[in-house]
Amino acid sequence: MKGNAFIAQVVEPYAQALMAVAQSQNLVDKFEEDIQILLGLLDNSADLTQLIGSPLIKPEQKKVVLQQLLAQQIHPLMTNFLMLLVDRRRIQLIQGIGNYYQTLLRKLRQTVLAEVTSAVTLTEQQCQEVARKVTAITGSLHVELDTNVDPDLIGGVIIKVGSQVLDASIRGQLRRISLGLGS
């Protein structure tokens, strides 16, 4: 747990600094795209994740790889930010920094993130209905859905917004019934 607190103490200031630069340069949306590109690359490449996290790889080598991969895709200020992270030996925290940047962006845009788990893939219409319900519950201006499929739910959905959980799944209903029968 102490490790996570330490990481948060390091990640948050970098993400806040990135947001400050993005806002001052009117690059909030561009940096969002850049972060998505970078996080997508890391999610899809275990080799890249291992390379940037390895203390055995020299910083200069990490910089060359990152510049070759990203120079044509991301803004030069984002490239400079990544080089700074390499120099300060913080590049292995880029996923956390990127995720926290997205959290800051949601706050800026008054958007909430709703994690939706359903038994089957939701249709576009169902996603819109879930978004409307989350908007009504939270009072936010916008809703961003992160959808997942869990066939064990049998049917229905579980919606998590922050620490609030709305369990409208059949599995959850069965669990509540069994608890009621046990008393």
N, C-alpha and C. Protein backbone atom coordinates (compact mmCIF):
# COMPACT_ATOMS: atom_id res chain seq x y z
N MET A 1 0.82 -1.19 0.00
CA MET A 1 0.00 0.00 0.00
C MET A 1 0.86 1.26 0.00
N LYS A 2 1.99 1.22 0.73
CA LYS A 2 2.87 2.39 0.76
C LYS A 2 3.44 2.65 -0.62
N GLY A 3 3.71 1.59 -1.39
CA GLY A 3 4.22 1.74 -2.75
C GLY A 3 3.25 2.49 -3.63
N ASN A 4 1.96 2.16 -3.51
CA ASN A 4 0.94 2.85 -4.31
C ASN A 4 0.84 4.32 -3.93
N ALA A 5 0.95 4.63 -2.65
CA ALA A 5 0.90 6.02 -2.22
C ALA A 5 2.10 6.79 -2.75
N PHE A 6 3.26 6.16 -2.73
CA PHE A 6 4.45 6.80 -3.27
C PHE A 6 4.30 7.05 -4.76
N ILE A 7 3.82 6.04 -5.48
CA ILE A 7 3.62 6.20 -6.92
C ILE A 7 2.64 7.33 -7.20
N ALA A 8 1.55 7.40 -6.43
CA ALA A 8 0.57 8.48 -6.62
C ALA A 8 1.21 9.84 -6.37
N GLN A 9 2.08 9.92 -5.37
CA GLN A 9 2.75 11.18 -5.09
C GLN A 9 3.67 11.61 -6.22
N VAL A 10 4.17 10.66 -6.98
CA VAL A 10 5.05 10.97 -8.10
C VAL A 10 4.23 11.22 -9.37
N VAL A 11 3.23 10.38 -9.60
CA VAL A 11 2.43 10.44 -10.82
C VAL A 11 1.60 11.73 -10.91
N GLU A 12 0.94 12.08 -9.84
CA GLU A 12 0.02 13.22 -9.88
C GLU A 12 0.69 14.54 -10.25
N PRO A 13 1.83 14.90 -9.67
CA PRO A 13 2.45 16.17 -10.08
C PRO A 13 2.86 16.20 -11.55
N TYR A 14 3.34 15.09 -12.08
CA TYR A 14 3.70 15.05 -13.49
C TYR A 14 2.46 15.22 -14.37
N ALA A 15 1.38 14.55 -14.02
CA ALA A 15 0.14 14.67 -14.79
C ALA A 15 -0.41 16.09 -14.69
N GLN A 16 -0.33 16.68 -13.51
CA GLN A 16 -0.80 18.05 -13.33
C GLN A 16 0.05 19.03 -14.13
N ALA A 17 1.35 18.81 -14.15
CA ALA A 17 2.24 19.67 -14.94
C ALA A 17 1.93 19.53 -16.43
N LEU A 18 1.68 18.30 -16.87
CA LEU A 18 1.32 18.07 -18.27
C LEU A 18 0.02 18.78 -18.62
N MET A 19 -0.95 18.72 -17.71
CA MET A 19 -2.23 19.41 -17.93
C MET A 19 -2.02 20.92 -17.97
N ALA A 20 -1.18 21.44 -17.10
CA ALA A 20 -0.92 22.89 -17.08
C ALA A 20 -0.32 23.34 -18.41
N VAL A 21 0.63 22.58 -18.93
CA VAL A 21 1.23 22.91 -20.23
C VAL A 21 0.17 22.81 -21.32
N ALA A 22 -0.62 21.75 -21.28
CA ALA A 22 -1.66 21.55 -22.29
C ALA A 22 -2.64 22.72 -22.30
N GLN A 23 -3.05 23.16 -21.13
CA GLN A 23 -3.99 24.28 -21.06
C GLN A 23 -3.35 25.58 -21.51
N SER A 24 -2.12 25.82 -21.11
CA SER A 24 -1.47 27.08 -21.48
C SER A 24 -1.19 27.17 -22.97
N GLN A 25 -1.00 26.03 -23.61
CA GLN A 25 -0.70 25.99 -25.05
C GLN A 25 -1.92 25.63 -25.90
N ASN A 26 -3.07 25.51 -25.26
CA ASN A 26 -4.31 25.12 -25.95
C ASN A 26 -4.14 23.77 -26.67
N LEU A 27 -3.56 22.82 -25.94
CA LEU A 27 -3.28 21.49 -26.49
C LEU A 27 -3.94 20.36 -25.70
N VAL A 28 -4.97 20.69 -24.94
CA VAL A 28 -5.62 19.68 -24.08
C VAL A 28 -6.09 18.50 -24.91
N ASP A 29 -6.79 18.77 -26.01
CA ASP A 29 -7.31 17.69 -26.84
C ASP A 29 -6.19 16.92 -27.54
N LYS A 30 -5.17 17.62 -28.02
CA LYS A 30 -4.05 16.96 -28.70
C LYS A 30 -3.30 16.06 -27.73
N PHE A 31 -3.08 16.54 -26.51
CA PHE A 31 -2.39 15.72 -25.52
C PHE A 31 -3.23 14.50 -25.15
N GLU A 32 -4.55 14.66 -25.14
CA GLU A 32 -5.41 13.51 -24.88
C GLU A 32 -5.20 12.45 -25.96
N GLU A 33 -5.17 12.87 -27.22
CA GLU A 33 -4.92 11.94 -28.32
C GLU A 33 -3.54 11.28 -28.17
N ASP A 34 -2.55 12.10 -27.82
CA ASP A 34 -1.19 11.58 -27.66
C ASP A 34 -1.12 10.54 -26.55
N ILE A 35 -1.78 10.82 -25.44
CA ILE A 35 -1.81 9.87 -24.32
C ILE A 35 -2.49 8.57 -24.75
N GLN A 36 -3.57 8.69 -25.51
CA GLN A 36 -4.27 7.48 -25.97
C GLN A 36 -3.38 6.65 -26.90
N ILE A 37 -2.64 7.32 -27.77
CA ILE A 37 -1.71 6.62 -28.66
C ILE A 37 -0.66 5.89 -27.83
N LEU A 38 -0.08 6.60 -26.89
CA LEU A 38 0.99 6.04 -26.06
C LEU A 38 0.48 4.88 -25.22
N LEU A 39 -0.67 5.06 -24.55
CA LEU A 39 -1.22 3.98 -23.72
C LEU A 39 -1.61 2.78 -24.57
N GLY A 40 -2.11 3.04 -25.77
CA GLY A 40 -2.44 1.95 -26.69
C GLY A 40 -1.21 1.15 -27.08
N LEU A 41 -0.12 1.84 -27.37
CA LEU A 41 1.13 1.16 -27.70
C LEU A 41 1.62 0.29 -26.54
N LEU A 42 1.55 0.85 -25.34
CA LEU A 42 2.01 0.11 -24.17
C LEU A 42 1.12 -1.09 -23.87
N ASP A 43 -0.19 -0.91 -24.06
CA ASP A 43 -1.13 -2.02 -23.83
C ASP A 43 -0.90 -3.16 -24.81
N ASN A 44 -0.51 -2.81 -26.03
CA ASN A 44 -0.36 -3.81 -27.08
C ASN A 44 1.06 -4.34 -27.26
N SER A 45 2.00 -3.79 -26.52
CA SER A 45 3.39 -4.22 -26.69
C SER A 45 4.07 -4.46 -25.34
N ALA A 46 4.12 -5.70 -24.96
CA ALA A 46 4.82 -6.06 -23.72
C ALA A 46 6.31 -5.73 -23.84
N ASP A 47 6.85 -5.83 -25.06
CA ASP A 47 8.27 -5.52 -25.26
C ASP A 47 8.56 -4.05 -24.97
N LEU A 48 7.68 -3.16 -25.46
CA LEU A 48 7.88 -1.74 -25.20
C LEU A 48 7.75 -1.43 -23.72
N THR A 49 6.76 -2.02 -23.08
CA THR A 49 6.57 -1.81 -21.64
C THR A 49 7.80 -2.29 -20.87
N GLN A 50 8.32 -3.43 -21.26
CA GLN A 50 9.51 -3.97 -20.60
C GLN A 50 10.72 -3.07 -20.86
N LEU A 51 10.85 -2.58 -22.09
CA LEU A 51 11.99 -1.73 -22.44
C LEU A 51 12.00 -0.46 -21.61
N ILE A 52 10.86 0.22 -21.52
CA ILE A 52 10.87 1.50 -20.80
C ILE A 52 10.97 1.30 -19.29
N GLY A 53 10.59 0.13 -18.81
CA GLY A 53 10.67 -0.13 -17.38
C GLY A 53 11.99 -0.73 -16.92
N SER A 54 12.81 -1.14 -17.86
CA SER A 54 14.06 -1.82 -17.50
C SER A 54 15.15 -0.84 -17.07
N PRO A 55 15.71 -1.06 -15.88
CA PRO A 55 16.83 -0.22 -15.45
C PRO A 55 18.12 -0.57 -16.18
N LEU A 56 18.12 -1.69 -16.90
CA LEU A 56 19.32 -2.12 -17.62
C LEU A 56 19.48 -1.42 -18.97
N ILE A 57 18.39 -0.87 -19.49
CA ILE A 57 18.43 -0.16 -20.78
C ILE A 57 18.83 1.29 -20.51
N LYS A 58 19.83 1.75 -21.22
CA LYS A 58 20.32 3.12 -21.03
C LYS A 58 19.26 4.14 -21.45
N PRO A 59 19.20 5.27 -20.75
CA PRO A 59 18.22 6.31 -21.10
C PRO A 59 18.30 6.75 -22.56
N GLU A 60 19.50 6.84 -23.10
CA GLU A 60 19.65 7.26 -24.49
C GLU A 60 18.97 6.27 -25.43
N GLN A 61 19.08 4.98 -25.12
CA GLN A 61 18.43 3.96 -25.94
C GLN A 61 16.90 4.08 -25.85
N LYS A 62 16.41 4.34 -24.66
CA LYS A 62 14.97 4.51 -24.47
C LYS A 62 14.47 5.71 -25.28
N LYS A 63 15.25 6.79 -25.26
CA LYS A 63 14.86 7.99 -26.00
C LYS A 63 14.79 7.72 -27.50
N VAL A 64 15.80 7.01 -28.01
CA VAL A 64 15.83 6.70 -29.44
C VAL A 64 14.61 5.89 -29.82
N VAL A 65 14.29 4.87 -29.05
CA VAL A 65 13.13 4.01 -29.36
C VAL A 65 11.84 4.83 -29.31
N LEU A 66 11.66 5.62 -28.26
CA LEU A 66 10.44 6.42 -28.14
C LEU A 66 10.32 7.43 -29.29
N GLN A 67 11.43 8.07 -29.65
CA GLN A 67 11.37 9.04 -30.75
C GLN A 67 11.07 8.36 -32.07
N GLN A 68 11.64 7.19 -32.30
CA GLN A 68 11.36 6.48 -33.55
C GLN A 68 9.91 6.03 -33.61
N LEU A 69 9.36 5.59 -32.49
CA LEU A 69 7.98 5.11 -32.46
C LEU A 69 6.95 6.24 -32.54
N LEU A 70 7.27 7.37 -31.89
CA LEU A 70 6.23 8.37 -31.66
C LEU A 70 6.43 9.72 -32.34
N ALA A 71 7.62 10.00 -32.83
CA ALA A 71 7.93 11.35 -33.31
C ALA A 71 6.92 11.87 -34.34
N GLN A 72 6.45 11.03 -35.22
CA GLN A 72 5.51 11.48 -36.26
C GLN A 72 4.06 11.47 -35.78
N GLN A 73 3.80 10.87 -34.62
CA GLN A 73 2.43 10.70 -34.16
C GLN A 73 2.01 11.67 -33.06
N ILE A 74 2.97 12.13 -32.27
CA ILE A 74 2.60 12.98 -31.14
C ILE A 74 3.22 14.37 -31.25
N HIS A 75 2.67 15.29 -30.49
CA HIS A 75 3.12 16.68 -30.50
C HIS A 75 4.55 16.77 -29.93
N PRO A 76 5.36 17.68 -30.47
CA PRO A 76 6.74 17.83 -29.97
C PRO A 76 6.82 18.11 -28.47
N LEU A 77 5.86 18.84 -27.91
CA LEU A 77 5.88 19.07 -26.46
C LEU A 77 5.66 17.78 -25.68
N MET A 78 4.84 16.89 -26.22
CA MET A 78 4.64 15.59 -25.57
C MET A 78 5.92 14.76 -25.68
N THR A 79 6.58 14.83 -26.82
CA THR A 79 7.86 14.14 -26.98
C THR A 79 8.86 14.66 -25.95
N ASN A 80 8.92 15.99 -25.79
CA ASN A 80 9.82 16.58 -24.81
C ASN A 80 9.49 16.10 -23.39
N PHE A 81 8.20 15.99 -23.10
CA PHE A 81 7.76 15.50 -21.79
C PHE A 81 8.26 14.06 -21.57
N LEU A 82 8.13 13.23 -22.58
CA LEU A 82 8.59 11.84 -22.46
C LEU A 82 10.10 11.79 -22.26
N MET A 83 10.84 12.65 -22.96
CA MET A 83 12.29 12.68 -22.80
C MET A 83 12.67 13.13 -21.38
N LEU A 84 11.91 14.07 -20.84
CA LEU A 84 12.12 14.51 -19.46
C LEU A 84 11.90 13.34 -18.50
N LEU A 85 10.84 12.57 -18.73
CA LEU A 85 10.57 11.41 -17.88
C LEU A 85 11.71 10.39 -17.95
N VAL A 86 12.25 10.21 -19.15
CA VAL A 86 13.39 9.29 -19.29
C VAL A 86 14.58 9.83 -18.51
N ASP A 87 14.88 11.13 -18.66
CA ASP A 87 16.02 11.73 -17.96
C ASP A 87 15.89 11.61 -16.45
N ARG A 88 14.67 11.75 -15.97
CA ARG A 88 14.44 11.69 -14.51
C ARG A 88 14.15 10.27 -14.02
N ARG A 89 14.29 9.32 -14.91
CA ARG A 89 14.06 7.91 -14.58
C ARG A 89 12.64 7.67 -14.05
N ARG A 90 11.67 8.33 -14.70
CA ARG A 90 10.26 8.18 -14.33
C ARG A 90 9.43 7.65 -15.50
N ILE A 91 10.05 7.29 -16.60
CA ILE A 91 9.31 6.88 -17.79
C ILE A 91 8.47 5.64 -17.53
N GLN A 92 8.90 4.78 -16.60
CA GLN A 92 8.13 3.58 -16.30
C GLN A 92 6.78 3.91 -15.66
N LEU A 93 6.59 5.17 -15.24
CA LEU A 93 5.32 5.60 -14.65
C LEU A 93 4.39 6.26 -15.66
N ILE A 94 4.72 6.19 -16.94
CA ILE A 94 3.94 6.90 -17.95
C ILE A 94 2.49 6.42 -18.01
N GLN A 95 2.24 5.14 -17.76
CA GLN A 95 0.85 4.68 -17.78
C GLN A 95 0.05 5.34 -16.66
N GLY A 96 0.61 5.40 -15.49
CA GLY A 96 -0.06 6.06 -14.37
C GLY A 96 -0.24 7.55 -14.62
N ILE A 97 0.78 8.18 -15.18
CA ILE A 97 0.69 9.61 -15.50
C ILE A 97 -0.39 9.83 -16.55
N GLY A 98 -0.42 8.99 -17.57
CA GLY A 98 -1.43 9.11 -18.62
C GLY A 98 -2.83 8.90 -18.08
N ASN A 99 -3.00 7.90 -17.23
CA ASN A 99 -4.32 7.65 -16.64
C ASN A 99 -4.75 8.81 -15.76
N TYR A 100 -3.81 9.38 -14.99
CA TYR A 100 -4.18 10.51 -14.13
C TYR A 100 -4.46 11.76 -14.97
N TYR A 101 -3.77 11.93 -16.08
CA TYR A 101 -4.07 13.04 -16.99
C TYR A 101 -5.51 12.91 -17.48
N GLN A 102 -5.92 11.69 -17.82
CA GLN A 102 -7.29 11.47 -18.27
C GLN A 102 -8.30 11.77 -17.16
N THR A 103 -7.94 11.47 -15.91
CA THR A 103 -8.79 11.81 -14.78
C THR A 103 -8.93 13.33 -14.65
N LEU A 104 -7.82 14.04 -14.79
CA LEU A 104 -7.85 15.50 -14.73
C LEU A 104 -8.70 16.07 -15.87
N LEU A 105 -8.58 15.46 -17.03
CA LEU A 105 -9.35 15.89 -18.19
C LEU A 105 -10.86 15.71 -17.95
N ARG A 106 -11.23 14.60 -17.33
CA ARG A 106 -12.65 14.38 -17.01
C ARG A 106 -13.16 15.45 -16.05
N LYS A 107 -12.35 15.79 -15.05
CA LYS A 107 -12.75 16.85 -14.10
C LYS A 107 -12.92 18.17 -14.84
N LEU A 108 -11.99 18.47 -15.72
CA LEU A 108 -12.04 19.71 -16.48
C LEU A 108 -13.31 19.79 -17.33
N ARG A 109 -13.68 18.67 -17.91
CA ARG A 109 -14.85 18.61 -18.79
C ARG A 109 -16.14 18.25 -18.06
N GLN A 110 -16.07 18.13 -16.75
CA GLN A 110 -17.21 17.72 -15.93
C GLN A 110 -17.82 16.42 -16.45
N THR A 111 -16.93 15.46 -16.62
CA THR A 111 -17.31 14.14 -17.12
C THR A 111 -17.03 13.10 -16.05
N VAL A 112 -17.94 12.14 -15.89
CA VAL A 112 -17.68 11.04 -14.98
C VAL A 112 -17.39 9.78 -15.79
N LEU A 113 -16.60 8.92 -15.21
CA LEU A 113 -16.30 7.63 -15.82
C LEU A 113 -17.17 6.59 -15.14
N ALA A 114 -17.96 5.89 -15.94
CA ALA A 114 -18.80 4.81 -15.43
C ALA A 114 -18.27 3.50 -15.98
N GLU A 115 -17.90 2.61 -15.07
CA GLU A 115 -17.46 1.27 -15.46
C GLU A 115 -18.70 0.39 -15.50
N VAL A 116 -19.03 -0.12 -16.68
CA VAL A 116 -20.24 -0.90 -16.88
C VAL A 116 -19.86 -2.33 -17.25
N THR A 117 -20.31 -3.25 -16.42
CA THR A 117 -20.08 -4.66 -16.69
C THR A 117 -21.43 -5.30 -16.98
N SER A 118 -21.50 -6.00 -18.12
CA SER A 118 -22.76 -6.62 -18.52
C SER A 118 -22.50 -8.08 -18.91
N ALA A 119 -23.58 -8.85 -18.96
CA ALA A 119 -23.46 -10.26 -19.32
C ALA A 119 -23.15 -10.43 -20.81
N VAL A 120 -23.64 -9.51 -21.63
CA VAL A 120 -23.39 -9.53 -23.07
C VAL A 120 -22.97 -8.13 -23.50
N THR A 121 -22.41 -8.02 -24.69
CA THR A 121 -22.01 -6.72 -25.22
C THR A 121 -23.24 -5.84 -25.39
N LEU A 122 -23.16 -4.62 -24.88
CA LEU A 122 -24.28 -3.68 -24.97
C LEU A 122 -24.37 -3.07 -26.36
N THR A 123 -25.60 -2.83 -26.81
CA THR A 123 -25.81 -2.13 -28.07
C THR A 123 -25.55 -0.64 -27.85
N GLU A 124 -25.46 0.10 -28.93
CA GLU A 124 -25.27 1.55 -28.84
C GLU A 124 -26.44 2.19 -28.08
N GLN A 125 -27.64 1.74 -28.35
CA GLN A 125 -28.83 2.28 -27.68
C GLN A 125 -28.78 1.98 -26.18
N GLN A 126 -28.37 0.78 -25.80
CA GLN A 126 -28.25 0.44 -24.39
C GLN A 126 -27.18 1.28 -23.71
N CYS A 127 -26.07 1.52 -24.40
CA CYS A 127 -25.01 2.38 -23.85
C CYS A 127 -25.52 3.79 -23.61
N GLN A 128 -26.30 4.31 -24.56
CA GLN A 128 -26.87 5.65 -24.41
C GLN A 128 -27.83 5.70 -23.22
N GLU A 129 -28.61 4.64 -23.02
CA GLU A 129 -29.55 4.59 -21.89
C GLU A 129 -28.79 4.55 -20.57
N VAL A 130 -27.72 3.76 -20.51
CA VAL A 130 -26.90 3.71 -19.31
C VAL A 130 -26.30 5.09 -19.04
N ALA A 131 -25.80 5.74 -20.08
CA ALA A 131 -25.21 7.07 -19.93
C ALA A 131 -26.24 8.07 -19.41
N ARG A 132 -27.47 7.99 -19.92
CA ARG A 132 -28.53 8.89 -19.43
C ARG A 132 -28.81 8.65 -17.95
N LYS A 133 -28.86 7.39 -17.55
CA LYS A 133 -29.12 7.08 -16.13
C LYS A 133 -27.98 7.57 -15.24
N VAL A 134 -26.75 7.38 -15.70
CA VAL A 134 -25.60 7.84 -14.91
C VAL A 134 -25.61 9.36 -14.81
N THR A 135 -25.95 10.04 -15.89
CA THR A 135 -26.05 11.50 -15.86
C THR A 135 -27.10 11.94 -14.85
N ALA A 136 -28.24 11.26 -14.83
CA ALA A 136 -29.30 11.60 -13.89
C ALA A 136 -28.87 11.36 -12.45
N ILE A 137 -28.15 10.29 -12.21
CA ILE A 137 -27.71 9.96 -10.85
C ILE A 137 -26.62 10.90 -10.37
N THR A 138 -25.66 11.21 -11.23
CA THR A 138 -24.49 11.98 -10.80
C THR A 138 -24.64 13.48 -11.00
N GLY A 139 -25.51 13.89 -11.91
CA GLY A 139 -25.64 15.31 -12.21
C GLY A 139 -24.49 15.85 -13.05
N SER A 140 -23.67 14.99 -13.60
CA SER A 140 -22.55 15.43 -14.42
C SER A 140 -23.04 15.87 -15.80
N LEU A 141 -22.20 16.63 -16.49
CA LEU A 141 -22.56 17.08 -17.82
C LEU A 141 -22.37 15.98 -18.86
N HIS A 142 -21.35 15.16 -18.66
CA HIS A 142 -21.01 14.12 -19.64
C HIS A 142 -20.68 12.82 -18.91
N VAL A 143 -20.84 11.72 -19.63
CA VAL A 143 -20.52 10.41 -19.10
C VAL A 143 -19.63 9.67 -20.10
N GLU A 144 -18.58 9.08 -19.59
CA GLU A 144 -17.70 8.25 -20.39
C GLU A 144 -17.88 6.82 -19.89
N LEU A 145 -18.20 5.91 -20.80
CA LEU A 145 -18.44 4.53 -20.42
C LEU A 145 -17.22 3.66 -20.70
N ASP A 146 -16.88 2.83 -19.73
CA ASP A 146 -15.86 1.81 -19.90
C ASP A 146 -16.60 0.49 -19.74
N THR A 147 -16.88 -0.17 -20.87
CA THR A 147 -17.72 -1.37 -20.83
C THR A 147 -16.88 -2.65 -20.83
N ASN A 148 -17.36 -3.61 -20.08
CA ASN A 148 -16.74 -4.92 -19.99
C ASN A 148 -17.84 -5.97 -20.04
N VAL A 149 -17.49 -7.16 -20.49
CA VAL A 149 -18.45 -8.27 -20.54
C VAL A 149 -18.02 -9.34 -19.55
N ASP A 150 -18.98 -9.79 -18.72
CA ASP A 150 -18.76 -10.87 -17.77
C ASP A 150 -19.95 -11.81 -17.85
N PRO A 151 -19.82 -12.91 -18.58
CA PRO A 151 -20.94 -13.84 -18.76
C PRO A 151 -21.47 -14.41 -17.45
N ASP A 152 -20.67 -14.39 -16.38
CA ASP A 152 -21.11 -14.91 -15.08
C ASP A 152 -22.25 -14.10 -14.48
N LEU A 153 -22.48 -12.90 -14.99
CA LEU A 153 -23.58 -12.07 -14.47
C LEU A 153 -24.94 -12.65 -14.84
N ILE A 154 -24.99 -13.52 -15.81
CA ILE A 154 -26.20 -14.16 -16.33
C ILE A 154 -27.02 -13.16 -17.14
N GLY A 155 -27.28 -12.00 -16.61
CA GLY A 155 -28.03 -10.95 -17.30
C GLY A 155 -27.93 -9.67 -16.51
N GLY A 156 -28.35 -8.55 -17.10
CA GLY A 156 -28.32 -7.27 -16.42
C GLY A 156 -26.96 -6.61 -16.47
N VAL A 157 -26.78 -5.58 -15.63
CA VAL A 157 -25.53 -4.82 -15.62
C VAL A 157 -25.12 -4.44 -14.21
N ILE A 158 -23.84 -4.17 -14.06
CA ILE A 158 -23.30 -3.56 -12.85
C ILE A 158 -22.65 -2.26 -13.30
N ILE A 159 -23.04 -1.16 -12.67
CA ILE A 159 -22.50 0.16 -13.03
C ILE A 159 -21.74 0.68 -11.82
N LYS A 160 -20.48 1.05 -12.04
CA LYS A 160 -19.66 1.60 -10.97
C LYS A 160 -19.22 3.00 -11.38
N VAL A 161 -19.56 3.97 -10.54
CA VAL A 161 -19.14 5.36 -10.75
C VAL A 161 -18.46 5.79 -9.46
N GLY A 162 -17.14 5.94 -9.54
CA GLY A 162 -16.39 6.26 -8.33
C GLY A 162 -16.56 5.14 -7.32
N SER A 163 -17.04 5.47 -6.13
CA SER A 163 -17.24 4.44 -5.10
C SER A 163 -18.68 3.91 -5.08
N GLN A 164 -19.55 4.47 -5.91
CA GLN A 164 -20.94 4.02 -5.98
C GLN A 164 -21.06 2.84 -6.93
N VAL A 165 -21.81 1.82 -6.51
CA VAL A 165 -22.03 0.65 -7.34
C VAL A 165 -23.53 0.38 -7.40
N LEU A 166 -24.03 0.27 -8.62
CA LEU A 166 -25.42 -0.10 -8.86
C LEU A 166 -25.41 -1.48 -9.49
N ASP A 167 -25.86 -2.48 -8.73
CA ASP A 167 -25.85 -3.86 -9.20
C ASP A 167 -27.25 -4.25 -9.64
N ALA A 168 -27.48 -4.23 -10.94
CA ALA A 168 -28.76 -4.63 -11.51
C ALA A 168 -28.59 -5.92 -12.31
N SER A 169 -27.67 -6.76 -11.83
CA SER A 169 -27.42 -8.03 -12.53
C SER A 169 -28.28 -9.13 -11.93
N ILE A 170 -28.51 -10.14 -12.68
CA ILE A 170 -29.26 -11.29 -12.17
C ILE A 170 -28.46 -11.99 -11.07
N ARG A 171 -27.13 -12.08 -11.26
CA ARG A 171 -26.29 -12.68 -10.22
C ARG A 171 -26.44 -11.91 -8.91
N GLY A 172 -26.45 -10.59 -8.97
CA GLY A 172 -26.62 -9.77 -7.77
C GLY A 172 -27.98 -9.96 -7.14
N GLN A 173 -29.02 -10.06 -7.98
CA GLN A 173 -30.36 -10.28 -7.46
C GLN A 173 -30.45 -11.64 -6.77
N LEU A 174 -29.86 -12.67 -7.38
CA LEU A 174 -29.86 -13.99 -6.76
C LEU A 174 -29.11 -13.99 -5.43
N ARG A 175 -28.00 -13.26 -5.37
CA ARG A 175 -27.24 -13.15 -4.13
C ARG A 175 -28.08 -12.48 -3.04
N ARG A 176 -28.80 -11.41 -3.41
CA ARG A 176 -29.62 -10.72 -2.41
C ARG A 176 -30.76 -11.61 -1.95
N ILE A 177 -31.34 -12.39 -2.85
CA ILE A 177 -32.41 -13.33 -2.47
C ILE A 177 -31.87 -14.38 -1.51
N SER A 178 -30.69 -14.93 -1.82
CA SER A 178 -30.13 -15.97 -0.95
C SER A 178 -29.79 -15.41 0.42
N LEU A 179 -29.35 -14.17 0.49
CA LEU A 179 -29.09 -13.54 1.80
C LEU A 179 -30.38 -13.35 2.57
N GLY A 180 -31.46 -13.00 1.85
CA GLY A 180 -32.76 -12.83 2.48
C GLY A 180 -33.31 -14.14 3.02
N LEU A 181 -33.06 -15.22 2.31
CA LEU A 181 -33.55 -16.53 2.74
C LEU A 181 -32.76 -17.06 3.93
N GLY A 182 -31.52 -16.64 4.02
CA GLY A 182 -30.65 -17.13 5.10
C GLY A 182 -30.96 -16.52 6.46
N SER A 183 -31.74 -15.43 6.51
CA SER A 183 -31.98 -14.80 7.81
C SER A 183 -33.19 -15.30 8.50
